[in-house]
Amino acid sequence: SQLKYASRVSDQSSSFWSMTILREDGAVEHLCLIEVWHLDRGNVIHQAEGVRPRTIPTAEAWYWLVRWCEAERLDLREWDCYA
């Protein structure tokens, strides 16, 4: 249900991020949609979906997701595609 996502955003317990990549030819390509939970113990990646809902991110998307988590100190251990 979209309502649960809207509720989590409005109470600031989570945020949503769209990961895109700029290709050499100038094309922008969507790689994945990410939900970050903001918990007392830190921020964790709760959910990450590929280009279609409820699909696993591609290997390229996963590579960049890991790099982003390292740079932003996000915990990826609780990741789930189907949450």
N, C-alpha and C. Protein backbone atom coordinates (compact mmCIF):
# COMPACT_ATOMS: atom_id res chain seq x y z
N SER A 1 0.83 -1.18 0.00
CA SER A 1 0.00 0.00 0.00
C SER A 1 0.88 1.25 0.00
N GLN A 2 0.54 2.21 -0.82
CA GLN A 2 1.28 3.46 -0.90
C GLN A 2 1.13 4.27 0.39
N LEU A 3 0.05 4.04 1.12
CA LEU A 3 -0.21 4.79 2.34
C LEU A 3 0.89 4.58 3.39
N LYS A 4 1.39 3.36 3.52
CA LYS A 4 2.43 3.10 4.53
C LYS A 4 3.70 3.87 4.19
N TYR A 5 4.03 3.99 2.89
CA TYR A 5 5.22 4.73 2.50
C TYR A 5 5.04 6.22 2.76
N ALA A 6 3.89 6.75 2.42
CA ALA A 6 3.61 8.17 2.65
C ALA A 6 3.63 8.49 4.15
N SER A 7 3.13 7.58 4.96
CA SER A 7 3.12 7.77 6.40
C SER A 7 4.55 7.83 6.95
N ARG A 8 5.43 6.93 6.49
CA ARG A 8 6.80 6.91 6.98
C ARG A 8 7.56 8.16 6.56
N VAL A 9 7.27 8.68 5.39
CA VAL A 9 7.93 9.91 4.95
C VAL A 9 7.42 11.09 5.75
N SER A 10 6.12 11.18 5.97
CA SER A 10 5.57 12.33 6.68
C SER A 10 6.05 12.39 8.13
N ASP A 11 6.26 11.24 8.77
CA ASP A 11 6.77 11.28 10.15
C ASP A 11 8.31 11.24 10.19
N GLN A 12 8.93 11.32 9.03
CA GLN A 12 10.38 11.40 8.86
C GLN A 12 11.12 10.18 9.39
N SER A 13 10.45 9.02 9.42
CA SER A 13 11.12 7.80 9.84
C SER A 13 11.84 7.13 8.66
N SER A 14 11.54 7.58 7.44
CA SER A 14 12.26 7.06 6.28
C SER A 14 12.29 8.11 5.18
N SER A 15 13.18 7.87 4.23
CA SER A 15 13.25 8.72 3.04
C SER A 15 13.46 7.82 1.83
N PHE A 16 13.11 8.33 0.67
CA PHE A 16 13.21 7.56 -0.56
C PHE A 16 14.17 8.25 -1.51
N TRP A 17 14.98 7.45 -2.20
CA TRP A 17 15.99 7.96 -3.10
C TRP A 17 15.90 7.20 -4.42
N SER A 18 16.02 7.92 -5.50
CA SER A 18 16.06 7.32 -6.83
C SER A 18 17.49 7.40 -7.33
N MET A 19 18.10 6.25 -7.55
CA MET A 19 19.47 6.22 -8.03
C MET A 19 19.46 6.20 -9.56
N THR A 20 20.14 7.18 -10.12
CA THR A 20 20.25 7.27 -11.58
C THR A 20 21.73 7.35 -11.95
N ILE A 21 22.00 7.09 -13.22
CA ILE A 21 23.37 7.21 -13.72
C ILE A 21 23.33 8.01 -15.02
N LEU A 22 24.33 8.85 -15.20
CA LEU A 22 24.46 9.64 -16.42
C LEU A 22 25.43 8.91 -17.33
N ARG A 23 24.93 8.45 -18.46
CA ARG A 23 25.76 7.70 -19.42
C ARG A 23 26.62 8.68 -20.23
N GLU A 24 27.66 8.15 -20.85
CA GLU A 24 28.57 8.99 -21.64
C GLU A 24 27.86 9.72 -22.77
N ASP A 25 26.79 9.13 -23.30
CA ASP A 25 26.06 9.78 -24.40
C ASP A 25 25.07 10.84 -23.89
N GLY A 26 25.06 11.07 -22.59
CA GLY A 26 24.18 12.08 -22.00
C GLY A 26 22.84 11.55 -21.52
N ALA A 27 22.58 10.28 -21.77
CA ALA A 27 21.31 9.68 -21.34
C ALA A 27 21.33 9.44 -19.83
N VAL A 28 20.21 9.72 -19.16
CA VAL A 28 20.05 9.45 -17.73
C VAL A 28 19.24 8.16 -17.60
N GLU A 29 19.76 7.21 -16.84
CA GLU A 29 19.11 5.91 -16.69
C GLU A 29 18.81 5.64 -15.21
N HIS A 30 17.57 5.25 -14.92
CA HIS A 30 17.16 4.89 -13.56
C HIS A 30 17.74 3.52 -13.23
N LEU A 31 18.40 3.41 -12.06
CA LEU A 31 18.98 2.13 -11.64
C LEU A 31 18.16 1.45 -10.55
N CYS A 32 17.72 2.21 -9.55
CA CYS A 32 16.93 1.58 -8.49
C CYS A 32 16.28 2.64 -7.60
N LEU A 33 15.29 2.20 -6.86
CA LEU A 33 14.59 3.02 -5.87
C LEU A 33 14.98 2.49 -4.50
N ILE A 34 15.35 3.39 -3.59
CA ILE A 34 15.90 3.00 -2.29
C ILE A 34 15.08 3.64 -1.18
N GLU A 35 14.77 2.85 -0.14
CA GLU A 35 14.15 3.40 1.06
C GLU A 35 15.16 3.31 2.20
N VAL A 36 15.44 4.45 2.82
CA VAL A 36 16.36 4.52 3.96
C VAL A 36 15.53 4.74 5.21
N TRP A 37 15.70 3.85 6.19
CA TRP A 37 15.06 4.04 7.49
C TRP A 37 15.99 4.83 8.39
N HIS A 38 15.45 5.82 9.08
CA HIS A 38 16.21 6.65 10.00
C HIS A 38 15.91 6.17 11.43
N LEU A 39 16.84 5.38 11.97
CA LEU A 39 16.66 4.76 13.28
C LEU A 39 17.59 5.40 14.29
N ASP A 40 17.32 5.19 15.56
CA ASP A 40 18.18 5.72 16.62
C ASP A 40 19.62 5.22 16.48
N ARG A 41 19.79 4.00 16.03
CA ARG A 41 21.12 3.42 15.90
C ARG A 41 21.82 3.79 14.60
N GLY A 42 21.13 4.56 13.74
CA GLY A 42 21.71 4.99 12.47
C GLY A 42 20.76 4.75 11.31
N ASN A 43 21.20 5.12 10.13
CA ASN A 43 20.39 4.97 8.92
C ASN A 43 20.69 3.64 8.26
N VAL A 44 19.64 2.92 7.88
CA VAL A 44 19.80 1.62 7.23
C VAL A 44 19.01 1.60 5.93
N ILE A 45 19.55 0.84 4.98
CA ILE A 45 18.82 0.61 3.74
C ILE A 45 17.78 -0.47 4.05
N HIS A 46 16.52 -0.08 4.03
CA HIS A 46 15.46 -1.04 4.31
C HIS A 46 15.05 -1.77 3.04
N GLN A 47 14.97 -1.05 1.96
CA GLN A 47 14.45 -1.63 0.74
C GLN A 47 15.15 -1.00 -0.46
N ALA A 48 15.44 -1.80 -1.46
CA ALA A 48 15.97 -1.30 -2.73
C ALA A 48 15.40 -2.17 -3.83
N GLU A 49 14.78 -1.53 -4.79
CA GLU A 49 14.15 -2.25 -5.90
C GLU A 49 14.79 -1.85 -7.21
N GLY A 50 14.80 -2.78 -8.13
CA GLY A 50 15.34 -2.51 -9.46
C GLY A 50 14.45 -1.59 -10.26
N VAL A 51 14.63 -1.63 -11.58
CA VAL A 51 13.91 -0.69 -12.45
C VAL A 51 12.40 -0.94 -12.48
N ARG A 52 11.98 -2.13 -12.13
CA ARG A 52 10.55 -2.43 -12.00
C ARG A 52 10.25 -2.76 -10.55
N PRO A 53 9.06 -2.46 -10.07
CA PRO A 53 8.73 -2.77 -8.67
C PRO A 53 8.96 -4.24 -8.33
N ARG A 54 9.45 -4.46 -7.13
CA ARG A 54 9.67 -5.80 -6.58
C ARG A 54 10.65 -6.63 -7.41
N THR A 55 11.65 -5.96 -8.00
CA THR A 55 12.72 -6.68 -8.69
C THR A 55 14.04 -6.35 -8.02
N ILE A 56 14.96 -7.26 -8.08
CA ILE A 56 16.28 -7.07 -7.48
C ILE A 56 17.08 -6.11 -8.34
N PRO A 57 17.81 -5.18 -7.73
CA PRO A 57 18.65 -4.27 -8.51
C PRO A 57 19.68 -5.04 -9.34
N THR A 58 20.03 -4.49 -10.48
CA THR A 58 21.04 -5.12 -11.35
C THR A 58 22.40 -5.10 -10.66
N ALA A 59 23.35 -5.83 -11.22
CA ALA A 59 24.71 -5.85 -10.68
C ALA A 59 25.31 -4.44 -10.69
N GLU A 60 25.07 -3.68 -11.74
CA GLU A 60 25.59 -2.31 -11.80
C GLU A 60 24.95 -1.43 -10.72
N ALA A 61 23.64 -1.55 -10.54
CA ALA A 61 22.95 -0.78 -9.49
C ALA A 61 23.48 -1.18 -8.12
N TRP A 62 23.68 -2.47 -7.91
CA TRP A 62 24.18 -2.95 -6.62
C TRP A 62 25.58 -2.39 -6.35
N TYR A 63 26.44 -2.37 -7.36
CA TYR A 63 27.78 -1.81 -7.22
C TYR A 63 27.71 -0.37 -6.71
N TRP A 64 26.88 0.46 -7.36
CA TRP A 64 26.78 1.86 -6.97
C TRP A 64 26.06 2.04 -5.62
N LEU A 65 25.12 1.15 -5.32
CA LEU A 65 24.45 1.20 -4.02
C LEU A 65 25.45 0.95 -2.89
N VAL A 66 26.32 -0.03 -3.06
CA VAL A 66 27.35 -0.33 -2.06
C VAL A 66 28.28 0.87 -1.89
N ARG A 67 28.71 1.46 -3.00
CA ARG A 67 29.60 2.64 -2.93
C ARG A 67 28.91 3.80 -2.20
N TRP A 68 27.62 4.02 -2.48
CA TRP A 68 26.86 5.10 -1.84
C TRP A 68 26.75 4.84 -0.34
N CYS A 69 26.47 3.60 0.04
CA CYS A 69 26.37 3.24 1.45
C CYS A 69 27.69 3.48 2.18
N GLU A 70 28.79 3.14 1.54
CA GLU A 70 30.10 3.37 2.14
C GLU A 70 30.34 4.87 2.33
N ALA A 71 30.04 5.67 1.32
CA ALA A 71 30.29 7.11 1.37
C ALA A 71 29.41 7.81 2.40
N GLU A 72 28.16 7.35 2.55
CA GLU A 72 27.20 8.00 3.43
C GLU A 72 27.04 7.30 4.78
N ARG A 73 27.82 6.25 4.99
CA ARG A 73 27.75 5.45 6.23
C ARG A 73 26.34 4.90 6.47
N LEU A 74 25.80 4.29 5.44
CA LEU A 74 24.48 3.65 5.53
C LEU A 74 24.69 2.15 5.72
N ASP A 75 23.85 1.54 6.56
CA ASP A 75 23.93 0.11 6.84
C ASP A 75 23.10 -0.64 5.80
N LEU A 76 23.77 -1.50 5.06
CA LEU A 76 23.10 -2.25 3.98
C LEU A 76 22.73 -3.67 4.40
N ARG A 77 23.09 -4.07 5.62
CA ARG A 77 22.88 -5.46 6.04
C ARG A 77 21.42 -5.86 6.14
N GLU A 78 20.51 -4.93 6.33
CA GLU A 78 19.09 -5.26 6.48
C GLU A 78 18.30 -5.12 5.19
N TRP A 79 18.99 -4.93 4.10
CA TRP A 79 18.34 -4.73 2.81
C TRP A 79 17.36 -5.86 2.47
N ASP A 80 16.26 -5.47 1.87
CA ASP A 80 15.24 -6.43 1.43
C ASP A 80 14.60 -5.89 0.17
N CYS A 81 14.39 -6.75 -0.80
CA CYS A 81 13.74 -6.33 -2.03
C CYS A 81 12.22 -6.35 -1.90
N TYR A 82 11.71 -7.18 -1.00
CA TYR A 82 10.27 -7.43 -0.97
C TYR A 82 9.59 -6.93 0.28
N ALA A 83 10.21 -6.03 1.01
CA ALA A 83 9.64 -5.55 2.27
C ALA A 83 8.35 -4.77 2.05
